[in-house]
Protein backbone atom coordinates (compact mmCIF):
# COMPACT_ATOMS: atom_id res chain seq x y z
CA MET A 1 15.62 64.72 40.42
CA SER A 2 15.57 63.75 37.03
CA ALA A 3 12.79 61.92 35.23
CA VAL A 4 14.78 58.58 35.02
CA SER A 5 15.42 58.73 38.70
CA ARG A 6 11.87 59.32 39.47
CA ALA A 7 10.46 56.25 37.57
CA PRO A 8 11.14 53.59 40.16
CA ALA A 9 9.51 55.73 42.89
CA ARG A 10 6.45 56.45 40.78
CA ARG A 11 6.15 52.72 39.89
CA TRP A 12 6.61 51.90 43.56
CA ALA A 13 3.70 54.53 44.63
CA ARG A 14 1.70 52.77 41.92
CA THR A 15 2.30 49.28 43.38
CA ALA A 16 1.57 50.57 47.02
CA ARG A 17 -1.75 52.15 45.81
CA THR A 18 -2.81 48.80 44.09
CA ALA A 19 -2.18 47.17 47.35
CA ARG A 20 -4.50 49.40 49.04
CA THR A 21 -7.46 49.40 46.60
CA GLY A 22 -6.90 45.80 45.50
CA ARG A 23 -6.93 46.85 41.80
CA GLU A 24 -4.17 45.71 39.50
CA PRO A 25 -2.18 48.55 37.78
CA LEU A 26 -2.82 49.04 34.06
CA TRP A 27 1.11 48.67 33.26
CA ARG A 28 1.09 45.12 34.70
CA ARG A 29 -2.16 44.28 32.69
CA ARG A 30 -0.37 45.54 29.49
CA GLU A 31 2.67 43.44 30.34
CA ARG A 32 0.57 40.38 30.68
CA TRP A 33 -1.09 40.96 27.24
CA TRP A 34 2.26 41.54 25.60
CA ALA A 35 3.50 38.36 27.08
CA VAL A 36 0.39 36.45 25.52
CA VAL A 37 0.92 38.17 22.15
CA PHE A 38 4.62 36.88 22.12
CA LEU A 39 4.06 33.40 23.44
CA ALA A 40 1.01 32.82 21.42
CA PRO A 41 2.91 31.62 18.13
CA GLN A 42 4.96 29.14 20.32
CA LEU A 43 1.93 28.00 22.27
CA LEU A 44 -0.02 27.34 19.05
CA ALA A 45 2.61 25.34 17.39
CA LEU A 46 3.10 23.38 20.76
CA LEU A 47 -0.78 22.43 20.60
CA ALA A 48 -0.62 22.05 16.75
CA PHE A 49 2.46 19.61 16.56
CA LEU A 50 2.76 18.00 20.00
CA VAL A 51 -0.26 18.32 22.23
CA GLY A 52 -2.73 17.56 19.55
CA PRO A 53 -0.94 14.44 17.98
CA LEU A 54 0.02 13.04 21.30
CA GLY A 55 -3.83 13.40 22.31
CA PHE A 56 -4.97 11.90 19.18
CA ALA A 57 -2.53 8.96 19.44
CA ILE A 58 -3.71 8.24 22.83
CA VAL A 59 -7.32 8.16 21.59
CA LEU A 60 -6.23 6.11 18.58
CA SER A 61 -4.39 3.48 20.75
CA PHE A 62 -7.75 2.22 21.97
CA MET A 63 -9.43 1.87 18.49
CA ARG A 64 -8.97 -0.14 15.44
CA TRP A 65 -8.58 2.05 12.35
CA ASP A 66 -7.04 1.60 8.84
CA GLY A 67 -7.16 5.33 8.15
CA LEU A 68 -10.08 5.33 5.79
CA GLY A 69 -13.09 3.53 7.24
CA ASP A 70 -14.86 3.92 10.55
CA ALA A 71 -12.76 3.48 13.83
CA THR A 72 -13.81 0.70 15.97
CA TRP A 73 -13.39 0.98 19.87
CA VAL A 74 -11.25 -2.03 21.09
CA GLY A 75 -10.26 -0.83 24.63
CA LEU A 76 -6.81 -2.42 25.53
CA ASP A 77 -6.64 -4.88 22.91
CA ASN A 78 -4.05 -3.23 20.83
CA PHE A 79 -1.71 -3.03 23.79
CA GLU A 80 -2.67 -6.64 24.71
CA ALA A 81 -1.73 -7.63 21.16
CA GLN A 82 1.60 -5.73 21.40
CA LEU A 83 2.67 -7.30 24.55
CA THR A 84 1.98 -10.69 23.68
CA ASP A 85 3.48 -10.44 20.20
CA PRO A 86 6.94 -11.99 20.07
CA ALA A 87 8.01 -9.85 16.99
CA PHE A 88 7.25 -6.72 19.34
CA GLY A 89 9.16 -8.25 22.03
CA ARG A 90 12.30 -8.78 20.15
CA ALA A 91 12.07 -5.20 18.88
CA VAL A 92 11.92 -3.99 22.49
CA TRP A 93 15.02 -6.32 23.17
CA ASN A 94 16.77 -4.91 20.13
CA THR A 95 16.14 -1.30 21.29
CA LEU A 96 17.46 -2.11 24.83
CA LYS A 97 20.59 -3.81 23.49
CA ILE A 98 21.37 -0.81 21.14
CA GLY A 99 21.00 1.61 24.17
CA LEU A 100 23.10 -0.53 26.27
CA ILE A 101 25.90 -0.62 23.95
CA THR A 102 25.84 3.11 22.62
CA VAL A 103 25.10 4.89 25.72
CA PRO A 104 27.97 3.71 28.20
CA GLY A 105 30.57 3.06 25.00
CA GLY A 106 29.65 6.22 23.36
CA LEU A 107 29.83 8.37 26.52
CA VAL A 108 33.15 6.86 28.00
CA LEU A 109 34.79 7.29 24.43
CA ALA A 110 33.50 10.99 24.25
CA LEU A 111 34.84 11.51 27.82
CA LEU A 112 38.16 10.18 27.11
CA LEU A 113 38.58 12.14 24.02
CA ALA A 114 37.41 15.37 25.79
CA LEU A 115 40.10 14.83 28.47
CA ALA A 116 42.75 14.34 25.67
CA LEU A 117 41.56 17.40 23.93
CA HIS A 118 41.19 19.60 27.04
CA GLY A 119 44.08 22.15 27.08
CA VAL A 120 45.36 21.15 23.78
CA ARG A 121 46.38 24.06 21.41
CA GLY A 122 43.98 24.14 18.43
CA ARG A 123 41.18 22.38 20.11
CA THR A 124 38.69 24.45 18.26
CA ALA A 125 39.66 22.46 14.88
CA TYR A 126 39.33 19.16 16.66
CA ARG A 127 36.03 20.10 17.79
CA VAL A 128 34.96 20.79 14.20
CA ILE A 129 36.46 17.62 12.95
CA TYR A 130 34.77 15.59 15.43
CA PHE A 131 31.49 17.30 15.26
CA LEU A 132 31.22 16.80 11.45
CA PRO A 133 29.43 13.53 11.49
CA VAL A 134 26.85 15.03 13.83
CA VAL A 135 25.87 17.54 11.16
CA THR A 136 26.15 15.13 8.27
CA SER A 137 22.95 13.52 6.97
CA SER A 138 22.10 10.08 8.44
CA VAL A 139 21.45 8.81 5.04
CA ALA A 140 24.93 9.73 3.86
CA VAL A 141 26.37 8.34 6.87
CA SER A 142 24.52 4.96 6.58
CA VAL A 143 25.51 4.74 2.81
CA ILE A 144 29.13 5.05 3.84
CA TRP A 145 29.05 2.58 6.49
CA GLN A 146 27.16 0.07 4.24
CA MET A 147 30.36 0.47 1.99
CA ILE A 148 32.48 -0.36 5.01
CA LEU A 149 30.57 -3.09 6.53
CA GLY A 150 29.16 -4.72 3.56
CA GLY A 151 29.38 -8.75 3.60
CA GLY A 152 31.92 -10.88 1.82
CA THR A 153 34.64 -9.06 -0.04
CA ASP A 154 32.38 -6.22 -1.15
CA GLY A 155 32.88 -4.48 2.14
CA ILE A 156 35.76 -2.55 2.67
CA LEU A 157 36.65 -3.92 6.06
CA ASN A 158 35.87 -7.73 5.29
CA GLY A 159 37.64 -7.34 1.98
CA THR A 160 40.86 -5.77 3.70
CA VAL A 161 41.01 -8.25 6.44
CA GLN A 162 40.34 -11.16 3.84
CA ASP A 163 43.13 -9.95 1.76
CA LEU A 164 45.56 -9.20 4.54
CA PHE A 165 45.01 -12.19 6.90
CA GLY A 166 42.84 -14.53 5.12
CA VAL A 167 40.12 -14.36 7.88
CA THR A 168 36.46 -14.37 6.66
CA LEU A 169 34.54 -11.71 8.89
CA PRO A 170 30.75 -12.07 9.45
CA ASN A 171 28.07 -10.21 7.09
CA TRP A 172 27.74 -7.51 9.87
CA LEU A 173 24.63 -5.98 8.45
CA ALA A 174 22.75 -9.15 7.48
CA ASP A 175 23.59 -11.61 10.26
CA PRO A 176 21.03 -10.94 13.19
CA ASP A 177 23.87 -11.83 15.74
CA TRP A 178 26.05 -9.18 14.54
CA VAL A 179 23.72 -6.55 13.29
CA VAL A 180 23.05 -4.91 16.82
CA PRO A 181 26.96 -4.24 17.33
CA ALA A 182 27.41 -2.75 13.87
CA ILE A 183 24.32 -0.35 14.43
CA ALA A 184 25.88 0.51 17.69
CA VAL A 185 29.37 1.21 16.23
CA VAL A 186 27.75 3.61 13.46
CA THR A 187 25.55 5.19 16.05
CA ILE A 188 28.40 5.80 18.54
CA TRP A 189 30.55 7.35 15.47
CA SER A 190 27.88 9.56 14.31
CA SER A 191 26.98 11.14 17.78
CA LEU A 192 30.57 11.02 19.25
CA GLY A 193 31.31 14.80 18.31
CA LEU A 194 28.30 16.13 20.02
CA ASN A 195 29.17 14.41 23.33
CA VAL A 196 32.85 15.52 22.90
CA VAL A 197 31.81 19.08 22.60
CA ILE A 198 29.56 18.90 25.63
CA PHE A 199 32.01 17.17 27.70
CA LEU A 200 34.78 19.96 26.58
CA ALA A 201 32.35 22.66 27.70
CA GLY A 202 31.76 21.02 31.17
CA LEU A 203 35.45 20.65 31.62
CA ALA A 204 35.90 24.39 31.05
CA THR A 205 33.86 25.08 33.83
CA ILE A 206 35.93 23.18 36.44
CA PRO A 207 38.17 25.68 38.42
CA PRO A 208 41.71 25.35 37.62
CA SER A 209 42.49 26.02 41.45
CA LEU A 210 40.90 22.46 42.24
CA LEU A 211 43.03 20.65 39.77
CA GLU A 212 46.10 22.77 41.06
CA ALA A 213 45.00 21.88 44.60
CA ALA A 214 44.82 18.16 43.79
CA ARG A 215 48.19 18.34 42.46
CA ILE A 216 49.90 19.97 45.19
CA ASP A 217 48.32 17.21 47.46
CA GLY A 218 49.94 14.52 45.61
CA ALA A 219 47.05 13.37 43.55
CA GLY A 220 47.75 11.30 40.47
CA PRO A 221 45.88 11.47 37.20
CA TRP A 222 43.47 8.65 38.20
CA GLN A 223 42.74 10.21 41.59
CA THR A 224 42.29 13.56 40.26
CA LEU A 225 39.94 11.96 37.49
CA ARG A 226 37.93 10.16 40.22
CA SER A 227 37.86 12.57 43.24
CA VAL A 228 37.62 16.25 41.09
CA ILE A 229 36.79 15.87 37.61
CA LEU A 230 34.16 13.41 37.50
CA PRO A 231 32.23 15.01 40.62
CA MET A 232 32.45 18.39 38.94
CA LEU A 233 31.51 17.12 35.55
CA SER A 234 28.57 14.98 37.18
CA PRO A 235 25.80 17.50 35.87
CA THR A 236 27.24 17.18 32.35
CA VAL A 237 27.43 13.12 32.62
CA PHE A 238 23.80 13.22 33.67
CA PHE A 239 22.77 15.37 30.96
CA THR A 240 24.52 13.62 28.13
CA VAL A 241 23.05 10.11 29.65
CA VAL A 242 19.43 11.18 29.81
CA VAL A 243 19.83 12.46 26.20
CA SER A 244 21.66 9.53 24.90
CA VAL A 245 19.12 7.08 26.31
CA ILE A 246 16.23 8.98 24.67
CA SER A 247 17.98 8.98 21.42
CA SER A 248 18.85 5.63 21.50
CA PHE A 249 15.23 4.54 22.13
CA GLN A 250 14.27 6.73 19.06
CA ALA A 251 16.72 5.25 16.72
CA PHE A 252 15.20 4.64 13.24
CA ASP A 253 16.48 6.61 10.29
CA LEU A 254 20.20 5.41 10.40
CA ILE A 255 18.89 1.74 11.03
CA TYR A 256 16.30 1.93 8.30
CA VAL A 257 18.96 2.91 5.69
CA LEU A 258 21.96 1.12 6.94
CA VAL A 259 20.01 -2.26 7.20
CA ASN A 260 16.98 -3.82 5.66
CA PRO A 261 14.99 -4.54 8.88
CA ASP A 262 12.19 -6.25 6.63
CA HIS A 263 14.68 -8.98 6.23
CA ASN A 264 16.48 -8.92 9.44
CA GLU A 265 14.55 -9.25 12.67
CA GLY A 266 17.79 -8.34 14.63
CA ALA A 267 17.53 -4.89 13.34
CA GLN A 268 13.85 -4.05 14.11
CA THR A 269 13.20 -1.64 16.91
CA ILE A 270 10.18 -0.29 18.50
CA VAL A 271 10.09 2.98 16.37
CA TYR A 272 10.42 0.68 13.27
CA LYS A 273 7.41 -1.45 14.34
CA VAL A 274 5.49 1.79 14.89
CA TYR A 275 6.46 2.61 11.29
CA GLN A 276 5.72 -0.84 9.73
CA GLN A 277 2.26 -1.24 11.52
CA GLY A 278 1.22 2.25 10.74
CA PHE A 279 2.49 3.47 7.50
CA ARG A 280 2.67 -0.08 5.72
CA GLU A 281 0.22 -2.04 7.36
CA PHE A 282 -2.28 0.67 8.05
CA GLN A 283 -3.10 -0.54 11.53
CA PHE A 284 -3.12 2.68 13.10
CA GLY A 285 -4.41 1.51 16.53
CA LEU A 286 -1.55 -1.01 16.93
CA SER A 287 0.83 1.63 15.67
CA SER A 288 -0.43 4.06 18.33
CA ALA A 289 -0.07 1.58 21.00
CA ALA A 290 3.44 0.79 20.20
CA ALA A 291 4.30 4.36 20.40
CA LEU A 292 2.66 4.88 23.76
CA ILE A 293 4.50 1.82 25.01
CA LEU A 294 7.70 3.53 23.92
CA LEU A 295 6.73 6.67 25.52
CA LEU A 296 6.04 4.89 28.72
CA LEU A 297 9.36 2.88 28.63
CA THR A 298 11.12 6.31 27.79
CA LEU A 299 9.48 8.15 30.80
CA VAL A 300 10.21 5.24 33.19
CA VAL A 301 13.91 5.10 32.27
CA THR A 302 14.16 8.77 32.52
CA ALA A 303 12.30 8.85 36.08
CA VAL A 304 14.77 6.41 37.37
CA GLN A 305 17.51 8.34 35.99
CA PHE A 306 16.39 11.64 37.66
CA LYS A 307 15.94 9.55 40.91
CA ALA A 308 19.25 8.09 40.90
CA GLN A 309 21.01 11.40 40.08
CA LYS A 310 20.46 12.58 43.52
CA ARG A 311 23.19 10.06 44.63
CA PHE A 312 25.87 10.82 42.09
CA VAL A 313 25.37 14.35 40.73
CA HIS A 314 27.13 17.30 42.56
CA TYR A 315 25.78 20.73 41.76
CA GLU A 316 27.87 23.79 42.87
CA SER A 317 26.27 25.71 45.74
């Protein structure tokens, strides 16, 4: 018997001897220490950049502090101030409106494009084209869309419609009634490629035999989509919904560059209030309270989604 074939037998004998004596084998202790060595950098980074700041924000949300003087304990006053502030209420509603438009609109459009591209020759090139906005800087995307959606005849869209049809369109980025749809359009455009790639990957996992069986049974395109494709794609849909909702709640950089939220209350979101109160007004207690409210809102919505996924998400056994 070779040394390689005897190795499992020797390890089994050591394991049996350990079970009799109650002592942990040396090789297992060495493996545990090596695991600690390799995991230590990631765990330290997690503590330094996630757990530590989160704990500090929780403590700070119960205090009044301007970043320089002594911190004063105020209990739940910061949360009460935020929940009774009409400006913060508008920011919450604006955040929810952006999510209500971007999540279903973006996912439906991405699914339709993925279905159209699935099976098409050269779809790799299409993936690259649709994915380009995802890897483009949000500042560059915002500047481009500022030129397109600018008010009056300065914007490409408004100026073109005015010249061709004589119709005056609203100032998309300055009108509080239209700024949220404008932000939603830009957000959908910039994130569309990521969702298309994810849906294409999900479609690739559907066995062709199921689609062939549906075709043989006489199912049309709509019946195949409803009865075969969507149930098989439900884990992918669930993943994209959760990620898209969380991303819509955290929207900031694109809105900050695209619109001037200081002069447009319709563009102010929860994350913008966190930035404004913390890094402009130096009210770090209020800012931390707003951040925790956003965290709780995200956790509640995500928990509801995980609870609801038991009804419509079908995993292969």
